[in-house]
């Protein structure tokens, strides 16, 4: 059985070492988390969930249905750039993307 953490790490083309570096952990710790021999604390679970943009529940529920959305590295970078915008810039971006999405939907209906 592949753990959710391993599944997410692989889907983002990360090695255990790379993930460990990002999270401030050793490669051995990542290996132990993936093999379910050691459980991360709640702080580390939150950090992992934030990194992969999934709920903490997704990481800890190994038998639950797969309900997360796959996000590419480019999409993660885009999301990160949105988070760095001011509130007014983010609001403007949401309005513009909403207009584009509505226009796209209405042209698909034709």
PDB file of N, CA and C in Angstrom:
ATOM      1  N   UNK A   1       0.839  -1.180   0.000  1.00  0.00           N
ATOM      2  CA  UNK A   1       0.000   0.000   0.000  1.00  0.00           C
ATOM      3  C   UNK A   1       0.888   1.250   0.000  1.00  0.00           C
ATOM      4  N   UNK A   2       0.590   2.157  -0.903  1.00  0.00           N
ATOM      5  CA  UNK A   2       1.330   3.414  -0.983  1.00  0.00           C
ATOM      6  C   UNK A   2       0.631   4.440  -0.097  1.00  0.00           C
ATOM      7  N   UNK A   3       1.381   5.089   0.755  1.00  0.00           N
ATOM      8  CA  UNK A   3       0.785   6.091   1.643  1.00  0.00           C
ATOM      9  C   UNK A   3       0.393   7.329   0.839  1.00  0.00           C
ATOM     10  N   UNK A   4      -0.513   8.086   1.402  1.00  0.00           N
ATOM     11  CA  UNK A   4      -0.939   9.321   0.740  1.00  0.00           C
ATOM     12  C   UNK A   4       0.243  10.277   0.574  1.00  0.00           C
ATOM     13  N   UNK A   5       1.106  10.338   1.570  1.00  0.00           N
ATOM     14  CA  UNK A   5       2.262  11.222   1.483  1.00  0.00           C
ATOM     15  C   UNK A   5       3.149  10.807   0.311  1.00  0.00           C
ATOM     16  N   UNK A   6       3.408   9.522   0.188  1.00  0.00           N
ATOM     17  CA  UNK A   6       4.249   9.048  -0.917  1.00  0.00           C
ATOM     18  C   UNK A   6       3.578   9.342  -2.261  1.00  0.00           C
ATOM     19  N   UNK A   7       2.290   9.130  -2.322  1.00  0.00           N
ATOM     20  CA  UNK A   7       1.530   9.399  -3.545  1.00  0.00           C
ATOM     21  C   UNK A   7       1.644  10.873  -3.945  1.00  0.00           C
ATOM     22  N   UNK A   8       1.467  11.760  -2.976  1.00  0.00           N
ATOM     23  CA  UNK A   8       1.572  13.189  -3.257  1.00  0.00           C
ATOM     24  C   UNK A   8       2.994  13.581  -3.645  1.00  0.00           C
ATOM     25  N   UNK A   9       3.962  13.050  -2.921  1.00  0.00           N
ATOM     26  CA  UNK A   9       5.361  13.373  -3.215  1.00  0.00           C
ATOM     27  C   UNK A   9       5.711  12.963  -4.635  1.00  0.00           C
ATOM     28  N   UNK A  10       5.345  11.747  -5.000  1.00  0.00           N
ATOM     29  CA  UNK A  10       5.654  11.251  -6.347  1.00  0.00           C
ATOM     30  C   UNK A  10       4.916  12.046  -7.423  1.00  0.00           C
ATOM     31  N   UNK A  11       3.663  12.409  -7.159  1.00  0.00           N
ATOM     32  CA  UNK A  11       2.896  13.163  -8.158  1.00  0.00           C
ATOM     33  C   UNK A  11       3.486  14.553  -8.393  1.00  0.00           C
ATOM     34  N   UNK A  12       4.277  15.036  -7.453  1.00  0.00           N
ATOM     35  CA  UNK A  12       4.959  16.324  -7.599  1.00  0.00           C
ATOM     36  C   UNK A  12       6.430  16.148  -7.979  1.00  0.00           C
ATOM     37  N   UNK A  13       6.781  14.929  -8.391  1.00  0.00           N
ATOM     38  CA  UNK A  13       8.144  14.624  -8.847  1.00  0.00           C
ATOM     39  C   UNK A  13       9.214  15.034  -7.833  1.00  0.00           C
ATOM     40  N   UNK A  14       8.959  14.713  -6.570  1.00  0.00           N
ATOM     41  CA  UNK A  14       9.914  15.026  -5.504  1.00  0.00           C
ATOM     42  C   UNK A  14      10.548  13.744  -4.984  1.00  0.00           C
ATOM     43  N   UNK A  15      11.792  13.832  -4.640  1.00  0.00           N
ATOM     44  CA  UNK A  15      12.443  12.730  -3.938  1.00  0.00           C
ATOM     45  C   UNK A  15      12.127  12.879  -2.448  1.00  0.00           C
ATOM     46  N   UNK A  16      12.397  11.836  -1.689  1.00  0.00           N
ATOM     47  CA  UNK A  16      12.230  11.937  -0.238  1.00  0.00           C
ATOM     48  C   UNK A  16      13.164  13.008   0.316  1.00  0.00           C
ATOM     49  N   UNK A  17      14.354  13.097  -0.232  1.00  0.00           N
ATOM     50  CA  UNK A  17      15.319  14.094   0.224  1.00  0.00           C
ATOM     51  C   UNK A  17      14.802  15.508  -0.030  1.00  0.00           C
ATOM     52  N   UNK A  18      14.264  15.747  -1.228  1.00  0.00           N
ATOM     53  CA  UNK A  18      13.753  17.077  -1.583  1.00  0.00           C
ATOM     54  C   UNK A  18      12.596  17.460  -0.657  1.00  0.00           C
ATOM     55  N   UNK A  19      11.654  16.536  -0.438  1.00  0.00           N
ATOM     56  CA  UNK A  19      10.541  16.815   0.459  1.00  0.00           C
ATOM     57  C   UNK A  19      11.047  17.081   1.872  1.00  0.00           C
ATOM     58  N   UNK A  20      12.008  16.280   2.306  1.00  0.00           N
ATOM     59  CA  UNK A  20      12.592  16.493   3.628  1.00  0.00           C
ATOM     60  C   UNK A  20      13.228  17.867   3.752  1.00  0.00           C
ATOM     61  N   UNK A  21      13.939  18.290   2.706  1.00  0.00           N
ATOM     62  CA  UNK A  21      14.564  19.617   2.720  1.00  0.00           C
ATOM     63  C   UNK A  21      13.508  20.719   2.842  1.00  0.00           C
ATOM     64  N   UNK A  22      12.411  20.583   2.094  1.00  0.00           N
ATOM     65  CA  UNK A  22      11.344  21.579   2.123  1.00  0.00           C
ATOM     66  C   UNK A  22      10.698  21.647   3.508  1.00  0.00           C
ATOM     67  N   UNK A  23      10.503  20.476   4.121  1.00  0.00           N
ATOM     68  CA  UNK A  23       9.825  20.412   5.417  1.00  0.00           C
ATOM     69  C   UNK A  23      10.771  20.535   6.607  1.00  0.00           C
ATOM     70  N   UNK A  24      12.071  20.589   6.340  1.00  0.00           N
ATOM     71  CA  UNK A  24      13.042  20.668   7.432  1.00  0.00           C
ATOM     72  C   UNK A  24      13.230  19.347   8.158  1.00  0.00           C
ATOM     73  N   UNK A  25      13.111  18.247   7.396  1.00  0.00           N
ATOM     74  CA  UNK A  25      13.232  16.899   7.948  1.00  0.00           C
ATOM     75  C   UNK A  25      14.314  16.124   7.199  1.00  0.00           C
ATOM     76  N   UNK A  26      14.712  15.015   7.767  1.00  0.00           N
ATOM     77  CA  UNK A  26      15.660  14.143   7.078  1.00  0.00           C
ATOM     78  C   UNK A  26      14.927  13.249   6.079  1.00  0.00           C
ATOM     79  N   UNK A  27      15.680  12.713   5.141  1.00  0.00           N
ATOM     80  CA  UNK A  27      15.116  11.762   4.186  1.00  0.00           C
ATOM     81  C   UNK A  27      14.590  10.552   4.933  1.00  0.00           C
ATOM     82  N   UNK A  28      15.260  10.146   6.009  1.00  0.00           N
ATOM     83  CA  UNK A  28      14.830   8.990   6.794  1.00  0.00           C
ATOM     84  C   UNK A  28      13.467   9.239   7.447  1.00  0.00           C
ATOM     85  N   UNK A  29      13.229  10.464   7.903  1.00  0.00           N
ATOM     86  CA  UNK A  29      11.920  10.782   8.499  1.00  0.00           C
ATOM     87  C   UNK A  29      10.816  10.663   7.468  1.00  0.00           C
ATOM     88  N   UNK A  30      11.061  11.166   6.266  1.00  0.00           N
ATOM     89  CA  UNK A  30      10.063  11.058   5.197  1.00  0.00           C
ATOM     90  C   UNK A  30       9.794   9.591   4.893  1.00  0.00           C
ATOM     91  N   UNK A  31      10.848   8.799   4.822  1.00  0.00           N
ATOM     92  CA  UNK A  31      10.705   7.358   4.564  1.00  0.00           C
ATOM     93  C   UNK A  31       9.834   6.713   5.645  1.00  0.00           C
ATOM     94  N   UNK A  32      10.084   7.042   6.908  1.00  0.00           N
ATOM     95  CA  UNK A  32       9.303   6.465   8.005  1.00  0.00           C
ATOM     96  C   UNK A  32       7.841   6.911   7.946  1.00  0.00           C
ATOM     97  N   UNK A  33       7.597   8.164   7.595  1.00  0.00           N
ATOM     98  CA  UNK A  33       6.212   8.634   7.455  1.00  0.00           C
ATOM     99  C   UNK A  33       5.512   7.889   6.327  1.00  0.00           C
ATOM    100  N   UNK A  34       6.209   7.725   5.209  1.00  0.00           N
ATOM    101  CA  UNK A  34       5.605   7.054   4.059  1.00  0.00           C
ATOM    102  C   UNK A  34       5.325   5.578   4.328  1.00  0.00           C
ATOM    103  N   UNK A  35       6.177   4.940   5.090  1.00  0.00           N
ATOM    104  CA  UNK A  35       5.991   3.517   5.394  1.00  0.00           C
ATOM    105  C   UNK A  35       5.103   3.298   6.614  1.00  0.00           C
ATOM    106  N   UNK A  36       4.609   4.413   7.164  1.00  0.00           N
ATOM    107  CA  UNK A  36       3.676   4.391   8.302  1.00  0.00           C
ATOM    108  C   UNK A  36       4.267   3.753   9.552  1.00  0.00           C
ATOM    109  N   UNK A  37       5.600   3.815   9.685  1.00  0.00           N
ATOM    110  CA  UNK A  37       6.245   3.300  10.890  1.00  0.00           C
ATOM    111  C   UNK A  37       6.331   4.380  11.972  1.00  0.00           C
ATOM    112  N   UNK A  38       6.260   5.652  11.544  1.00  0.00           N
ATOM    113  CA  UNK A  38       6.259   6.788  12.460  1.00  0.00           C
ATOM    114  C   UNK A  38       5.191   7.744  11.958  1.00  0.00           C
ATOM    115  N   UNK A  39       4.455   8.357  12.876  1.00  0.00           N
ATOM    116  CA  UNK A  39       3.421   9.317  12.489  1.00  0.00           C
ATOM    117  C   UNK A  39       3.903  10.735  12.768  1.00  0.00           C
ATOM    118  N   UNK A  40       3.691  11.638  11.808  1.00  0.00           N
ATOM    119  CA  UNK A  40       4.079  13.036  12.047  1.00  0.00           C
ATOM    120  C   UNK A  40       3.153  13.689  13.074  1.00  0.00           C
ATOM    121  N   UNK A  41       3.671  14.689  13.765  1.00  0.00           N
ATOM    122  CA  UNK A  41       2.819  15.423  14.706  1.00  0.00           C
ATOM    123  C   UNK A  41       1.877  16.335  13.921  1.00  0.00           C
ATOM    124  N   UNK A  42       0.926  16.932  14.605  1.00  0.00           N
ATOM    125  CA  UNK A  42      -0.098  17.739  13.949  1.00  0.00           C
ATOM    126  C   UNK A  42       0.515  18.936  13.233  1.00  0.00           C
ATOM    127  N   UNK A  43       1.555  19.520  13.797  1.00  0.00           N
ATOM    128  CA  UNK A  43       2.231  20.651  13.159  1.00  0.00           C
ATOM    129  C   UNK A  43       2.788  20.223  11.802  1.00  0.00           C
ATOM    130  N   UNK A  44       3.434  19.063  11.750  1.00  0.00           N
ATOM    131  CA  UNK A  44       4.021  18.583  10.503  1.00  0.00           C
ATOM    132  C   UNK A  44       2.936  18.168   9.513  1.00  0.00           C
ATOM    133  N   UNK A  45       1.850  17.579  10.001  1.00  0.00           N
ATOM    134  CA  UNK A  45       0.737  17.242   9.110  1.00  0.00           C
ATOM    135  C   UNK A  45       0.182  18.498   8.440  1.00  0.00           C
ATOM    136  N   UNK A  46       0.038  19.572   9.220  1.00  0.00           N
ATOM    137  CA  UNK A  46      -0.470  20.837   8.678  1.00  0.00           C
ATOM    138  C   UNK A  46       0.497  21.388   7.639  1.00  0.00           C
ATOM    139  N   UNK A  47       1.767  21.304   7.920  1.00  0.00           N
ATOM    140  CA  UNK A  47       2.778  21.801   6.991  1.00  0.00           C
ATOM    141  C   UNK A  47       2.731  21.012   5.672  1.00  0.00           C
ATOM    142  N   UNK A  48       2.576  19.696   5.765  1.00  0.00           N
ATOM    143  CA  UNK A  48       2.480  18.846   4.573  1.00  0.00           C
ATOM    144  C   UNK A  48       1.210  19.158   3.785  1.00  0.00           C
ATOM    145  N   UNK A  49       0.100  19.302   4.507  1.00  0.00           N
ATOM    146  CA  UNK A  49      -1.176  19.586   3.853  1.00  0.00           C
ATOM    147  C   UNK A  49      -1.116  20.930   3.127  1.00  0.00           C
ATOM    148  N   UNK A  50      -0.512  21.922   3.751  1.00  0.00           N
ATOM    149  CA  UNK A  50      -0.377  23.234   3.109  1.00  0.00           C
ATOM    150  C   UNK A  50       0.509  23.146   1.866  1.00  0.00           C
ATOM    151  N   UNK A  51       1.563  22.389   1.958  1.00  0.00           N
ATOM    152  CA  UNK A  51       2.477  22.245   0.830  1.00  0.00           C
ATOM    153  C   UNK A  51       1.780  21.627  -0.374  1.00  0.00           C
ATOM    154  N   UNK A  52       1.007  20.577  -0.140  1.00  0.00           N
ATOM    155  CA  UNK A  52       0.368  19.851  -1.238  1.00  0.00           C
ATOM    156  C   UNK A  52      -1.068  20.309  -1.509  1.00  0.00           C
ATOM    157  N   UNK A  53      -1.524  21.328  -0.769  1.00  0.00           N
ATOM    158  CA  UNK A  53      -2.867  21.875  -0.952  1.00  0.00           C
ATOM    159  C   UNK A  53      -3.956  20.805  -0.829  1.00  0.00           C
ATOM    160  N   UNK A  54      -3.845  20.016   0.227  1.00  0.00           N
ATOM    161  CA  UNK A  54      -4.851  18.999   0.539  1.00  0.00           C
ATOM    162  C   UNK A  54      -5.254  19.167   1.994  1.00  0.00           C
ATOM    163  N   UNK A  55      -6.436  18.677   2.373  1.00  0.00           N
ATOM    164  CA  UNK A  55      -6.805  18.727   3.787  1.00  0.00           C
ATOM    165  C   UNK A  55      -5.961  17.744   4.607  1.00  0.00           C
ATOM    166  N   UNK A  56      -5.747  18.056   5.864  1.00  0.00           N
ATOM    167  CA  UNK A  56      -5.014  17.145   6.746  1.00  0.00           C
ATOM    168  C   UNK A  56      -5.685  15.767   6.752  1.00  0.00           C
ATOM    169  N   UNK A  57      -7.011  15.760   6.723  1.00  0.00           N
ATOM    170  CA  UNK A  57      -7.749  14.488   6.695  1.00  0.00           C
ATOM    171  C   UNK A  57      -7.275  13.590   5.566  1.00  0.00           C
ATOM    172  N   UNK A  58      -6.981  14.174   4.425  1.00  0.00           N
ATOM    173  CA  UNK A  58      -6.542  13.382   3.280  1.00  0.00           C
ATOM    174  C   UNK A  58      -5.243  12.639   3.601  1.00  0.00           C
ATOM    175  N   UNK A  59      -4.338  13.315   4.310  1.00  0.00           N
ATOM    176  CA  UNK A  59      -3.052  12.694   4.647  1.00  0.00           C
ATOM    177  C   UNK A  59      -3.191  11.562   5.653  1.00  0.00           C
ATOM    178  N   UNK A  60      -4.134  11.691   6.581  1.00  0.00           N
ATOM    179  CA  UNK A  60      -4.198  10.698   7.665  1.00  0.00           C
ATOM    180  C   UNK A  60      -5.187   9.572   7.403  1.00  0.00           C
ATOM    181  N   UNK A  61      -6.040   9.726   6.412  1.00  0.00           N
ATOM    182  CA  UNK A  61      -7.039   8.693   6.130  1.00  0.00           C
ATOM    183  C   UNK A  61      -6.561   7.845   4.950  1.00  0.00           C
ATOM    184  N   UNK A  62      -5.865   6.774   5.244  1.00  0.00           N
ATOM    185  CA  UNK A  62      -5.242   5.950   4.206  1.00  0.00           C
ATOM    186  C   UNK A  62      -6.250   5.114   3.428  1.00  0.00           C
ATOM    187  N   UNK A  63      -7.407   4.844   4.011  1.00  0.00           N
ATOM    188  CA  UNK A  63      -8.412   4.014   3.345  1.00  0.00           C
ATOM    189  C   UNK A  63      -9.568   4.822   2.769  1.00  0.00           C
ATOM    190  N   UNK A  64      -9.517   6.159   2.907  1.00  0.00           N
ATOM    191  CA  UNK A  64     -10.590   7.006   2.397  1.00  0.00           C
ATOM    192  C   UNK A  64     -10.489   7.120   0.879  1.00  0.00           C
ATOM    193  N   UNK A  65     -11.608   7.397   0.238  1.00  0.00           N
ATOM    194  CA  UNK A  65     -11.557   7.597  -1.212  1.00  0.00           C
ATOM    195  C   UNK A  65     -10.672   8.786  -1.570  1.00  0.00           C
ATOM    196  N   UNK A  66     -10.101   8.720  -2.727  1.00  0.00           N
ATOM    197  CA  UNK A  66      -9.236   9.789  -3.214  1.00  0.00           C
ATOM    198  C   UNK A  66     -10.100  10.978  -3.601  1.00  0.00           C
ATOM    199  N   UNK A  67     -10.038  12.037  -2.783  1.00  0.00           N
ATOM    200  CA  UNK A  67     -10.889  13.195  -3.040  1.00  0.00           C
ATOM    201  C   UNK A  67     -10.072  14.467  -3.239  1.00  0.00           C
ATOM    202  N   UNK A  68      -8.771  14.345  -3.378  1.00  0.00           N
ATOM    203  CA  UNK A  68      -7.995  15.570  -3.574  1.00  0.00           C
ATOM    204  C   UNK A  68      -7.852  15.863  -5.064  1.00  0.00           C
ATOM    205  N   UNK A  69      -7.490  17.068  -5.362  1.00  0.00           N
ATOM    206  CA  UNK A  69      -7.308  17.504  -6.738  1.00  0.00           C
ATOM    207  C   UNK A  69      -5.815  17.514  -7.036  1.00  0.00           C
ATOM    208  N   UNK A  70      -5.439  16.917  -8.147  1.00  0.00           N
ATOM    209  CA  UNK A  70      -4.036  16.951  -8.545  1.00  0.00           C
ATOM    210  C   UNK A  70      -3.691  18.361  -9.000  1.00  0.00           C
ATOM    211  N   UNK A  71      -2.612  18.893  -8.508  1.00  0.00           N
ATOM    212  CA  UNK A  71      -2.167  20.227  -8.867  1.00  0.00           C
ATOM    213  C   UNK A  71      -0.735  20.118  -9.379  1.00  0.00           C
ATOM    214  N   UNK A  72      -0.512  20.657 -10.567  1.00  0.00           N
ATOM    215  CA  UNK A  72       0.819  20.594 -11.174  1.00  0.00           C
ATOM    216  C   UNK A  72       1.759  21.574 -10.470  1.00  0.00           C
ATOM    217  N   UNK A  73       3.064  21.386 -10.620  1.00  0.00           N
ATOM    218  CA  UNK A  73       4.009  22.350 -10.037  1.00  0.00           C
ATOM    219  C   UNK A  73       3.771  23.777 -10.550  1.00  0.00           C
ATOM    220  N   UNK A  74       3.381  23.917 -11.815  1.00  0.00           N
ATOM    221  CA  UNK A  74       3.104  25.246 -12.364  1.00  0.00           C
ATOM    222  C   UNK A  74       1.891  25.870 -11.682  1.00  0.00           C
ATOM    223  N   UNK A  75       0.854  25.046 -11.428  1.00  0.00           N
ATOM    224  CA  UNK A  75      -0.333  25.547 -10.739  1.00  0.00           C
ATOM    225  C   UNK A  75       0.005  25.944  -9.303  1.00  0.00           C
ATOM    226  N   UNK A  76       0.857  25.163  -8.639  1.00  0.00           N
ATOM    227  CA  UNK A  76       1.273  25.510  -7.279  1.00  0.00           C
ATOM    228  C   UNK A  76       2.007  26.850  -7.272  1.00  0.00           C
ATOM    229  N   UNK A  77       2.852  27.058  -8.265  1.00  0.00           N
ATOM    230  CA  UNK A  77       3.584  28.324  -8.367  1.00  0.00           C
ATOM    231  C   UNK A  77       2.614  29.486  -8.594  1.00  0.00           C
ATOM    232  N   UNK A  78       1.608  29.266  -9.445  1.00  0.00           N
ATOM    233  CA  UNK A  78       0.600  30.288  -9.710  1.00  0.00           C
ATOM    234  C   UNK A  78      -0.179  30.614  -8.438  1.00  0.00           C
ATOM    235  N   UNK A  79      -0.594  29.588  -7.726  1.00  0.00           N
ATOM    236  CA  UNK A  79      -1.337  29.786  -6.480  1.00  0.00           C
ATOM    237  C   UNK A  79      -0.489  30.563  -5.479  1.00  0.00           C
ATOM    238  N   UNK A  80       0.789  30.210  -5.400  1.00  0.00           N
ATOM    239  CA  UNK A  80       1.684  30.913  -4.480  1.00  0.00           C
ATOM    240  C   UNK A  80       1.791  32.385  -4.866  1.00  0.00           C
ATOM    241  N   UNK A  81       1.858  32.669  -6.165  1.00  0.00           N
ATOM    242  CA  UNK A  81       1.946  34.074  -6.596  1.00  0.00           C
ATOM    243  C   UNK A  81       0.661  34.833  -6.257  1.00  0.00           C
ATOM    244  N   UNK A  82      -0.487  34.163  -6.349  1.00  0.00           N
ATOM    245  CA  UNK A  82      -1.758  34.804  -5.983  1.00  0.00           C
ATOM    246  C   UNK A  82      -1.769  35.140  -4.493  1.00  0.00           C
ATOM    247  N   UNK A  83      -1.239  34.251  -3.692  1.00  0.00           N
ATOM    248  CA  UNK A  83      -1.220  34.478  -2.240  1.00  0.00           C
ATOM    249  C   UNK A  83      -0.379  35.685  -1.859  1.00  0.00           C
ATOM    250  N   UNK A  84       0.567  36.064  -2.708  1.00  0.00           N
ATOM    251  CA  UNK A  84       1.438  37.202  -2.410  1.00  0.00           C
ATOM    252  C   UNK A  84       0.834  38.539  -2.837  1.00  0.00           C
ATOM    253  N   UNK A  85      -0.304  38.505  -3.527  1.00  0.00           N
ATOM    254  CA  UNK A  85      -0.965  39.740  -3.953  1.00  0.00           C
ATOM    255  C   UNK A  85      -1.649  40.416  -2.775  1.00  0.00           C
ATOM    256  N   UNK A  86      -1.860  41.699  -2.927  1.00  0.00           N
ATOM    257  CA  UNK A  86      -2.640  42.421  -1.913  1.00  0.00           C
ATOM    258  C   UNK A  86      -4.098  41.984  -2.033  1.00  0.00           C
ATOM    259  N   UNK A  87      -4.892  42.316  -1.027  1.00  0.00           N
ATOM    260  CA  UNK A  87      -6.316  41.953  -1.065  1.00  0.00           C
ATOM    261  C   UNK A  87      -7.011  42.554  -2.285  1.00  0.00           C
ATOM    262  N   UNK A  88      -6.708  43.794  -2.596  1.00  0.00           N
ATOM    263  CA  UNK A  88      -7.372  44.437  -3.742  1.00  0.00           C
ATOM    264  C   UNK A  88      -6.911  43.818  -5.062  1.00  0.00           C
ATOM    265  N   UNK A  89      -5.631  43.494  -5.169  1.00  0.00           N
ATOM    266  CA  UNK A  89      -5.139  42.838  -6.390  1.00  0.00           C
ATOM    267  C   UNK A  89      -5.778  41.460  -6.559  1.00  0.00           C
ATOM    268  N   UNK A  90      -5.875  40.725  -5.457  1.00  0.00           N
ATOM    269  CA  UNK A  90      -6.486  39.393  -5.499  1.00  0.00           C
ATOM    270  C   UNK A  90      -7.964  39.483  -5.880  1.00  0.00           C
ATOM    271  N   UNK A  91      -8.661  40.461  -5.342  1.00  0.00           N
ATOM    272  CA  UNK A  91     -10.071  40.664  -5.662  1.00  0.00           C
ATOM    273  C   UNK A  91     -10.238  40.976  -7.152  1.00  0.00           C
ATOM    274  N   UNK A  92      -9.373  41.834  -7.680  1.00  0.00           N
ATOM    275  CA  UNK A  92      -9.421  42.163  -9.101  1.00  0.00           C
ATOM    276  C   UNK A  92      -9.175  40.912  -9.946  1.00  0.00           C
ATOM    277  N   UNK A  93      -8.191  40.118  -9.577  1.00  0.00           N
ATOM    278  CA  UNK A  93      -7.878  38.898 -10.324  1.00  0.00           C
ATOM    279  C   UNK A  93      -9.059  37.930 -10.312  1.00  0.00           C
ATOM    280  N   UNK A  94      -9.716  37.778  -9.174  1.00  0.00           N
ATOM    281  CA  UNK A  94     -10.887  36.898  -9.089  1.00  0.00           C
ATOM    282  C   UNK A  94     -12.010  37.381 -10.000  1.00  0.00           C
ATOM    283  N   UNK A  95     -12.219  38.704 -10.033  1.00  0.00           N
ATOM    284  CA  UNK A  95     -13.269  39.236 -10.909  1.00  0.00           C
ATOM    285  C   UNK A  95     -12.936  38.975 -12.377  1.00  0.00           C
ATOM    286  N   UNK A  96     -11.706  39.210 -12.768  1.00  0.00           N
ATOM    287  CA  UNK A  96     -11.289  39.004 -14.160  1.00  0.00           C
ATOM    288  C   UNK A  96     -11.402  37.532 -14.548  1.00  0.00           C
ATOM    289  N   UNK A  97     -10.906  36.641 -13.700  1.00  0.00           N
ATOM    290  CA  UNK A  97     -10.993  35.216 -14.035  1.00  0.00           C
ATOM    291  C   UNK A  97     -12.439  34.744 -14.049  1.00  0.00           C
ATOM    292  N   UNK A  98     -13.280  35.310 -13.194  1.00  0.00           N
ATOM    293  CA  UNK A  98     -14.706  34.977 -13.211  1.00  0.00           C
ATOM    294  C   UNK A  98     -15.350  35.384 -14.527  1.00  0.00           C
ATOM    295  N   UNK A  99     -15.006  36.579 -15.018  1.00  0.00           N
ATOM    296  CA  UNK A  99     -15.549  37.044 -16.301  1.00  0.00           C
ATOM    297  C   UNK A  99     -15.082  36.144 -17.441  1.00  0.00           C
ATOM    298  N   UNK A 100     -13.815  35.783 -17.433  1.00  0.00           N
ATOM    299  CA  UNK A 100     -13.278  34.912 -18.485  1.00  0.00           C
ATOM    300  C   UNK A 100     -13.978  33.555 -18.442  1.00  0.00           C
ATOM    301  N   UNK A 101     -14.158  33.002 -17.248  1.00  0.00           N
ATOM    302  CA  UNK A 101     -14.815  31.695 -17.118  1.00  0.00           C
ATOM    303  C   UNK A 101     -16.256  31.758 -17.604  1.00  0.00           C
ATOM    304  N   UNK A 102     -16.979  32.826 -17.234  1.00  0.00           N
ATOM    305  CA  UNK A 102     -18.364  32.960 -17.698  1.00  0.00           C
ATOM    306  C   UNK A 102     -18.430  33.099 -19.211  1.00  0.00           C
ATOM    307  N   UNK A 103     -17.524  33.868 -19.795  1.00  0.00           N
ATOM    308  CA  UNK A 103     -17.495  34.047 -21.243  1.00  0.00           C
ATOM    309  C   UNK A 103     -17.180  32.707 -21.922  1.00  0.00           C
ATOM    310  N   UNK A 104     -16.254  31.973 -21.354  1.00  0.00           N
ATOM    311  CA  UNK A 104     -15.897  30.665 -21.909  1.00  0.00           C
ATOM    312  C   UNK A 104     -17.072  29.698 -21.862  1.00  0.00           C
ATOM    313  N   UNK A 105     -17.808  29.701 -20.737  1.00  0.00           N
ATOM    314  CA  UNK A 105     -18.984  28.837 -20.604  1.00  0.00           C
ATOM    315  C   UNK A 105     -20.082  29.228 -21.582  1.00  0.00           C
ATOM    316  N   UNK A 106     -20.300  30.523 -21.726  1.00  0.00           N
ATOM    317  CA  UNK A 106     -21.382  30.962 -22.622  1.00  0.00           C
ATOM    318  C   UNK A 106     -21.032  30.681 -24.077  1.00  0.00           C
ATOM    319  N   UNK A 107     -19.769  30.767 -24.462  1.00  0.00           N
ATOM    320  CA  UNK A 107     -19.397  30.460 -25.848  1.00  0.00           C
ATOM    321  C   UNK A 107     -19.440  28.954 -26.099  1.00  0.00           C
ATOM    322  N   UNK A 108     -19.240  28.150 -25.073  1.00  0.00           N
ATOM    323  CA  UNK A 108     -19.334  26.690 -25.222  1.00  0.00           C
ATOM    324  C   UNK A 108     -20.778  26.257 -25.399  1.00  0.00           C
ATOM    325  N   UNK A 109     -21.722  27.047 -24.885  1.00  0.00           N
ATOM    326  CA  UNK A 109     -23.152  26.733 -24.999  1.00  0.00           C
ATOM    327  C   UNK A 109     -23.693  27.022 -26.403  1.00  0.00           C
ATOM    328  N   UNK A 110     -22.972  27.805 -27.167  1.00  0.00           N
ATOM    329  CA  UNK A 110     -23.462  28.198 -28.499  1.00  0.00           C
ATOM    330  C   UNK A 110     -23.323  27.105 -29.506  1.00  0.00           C
TER     331      UNK A 110
END
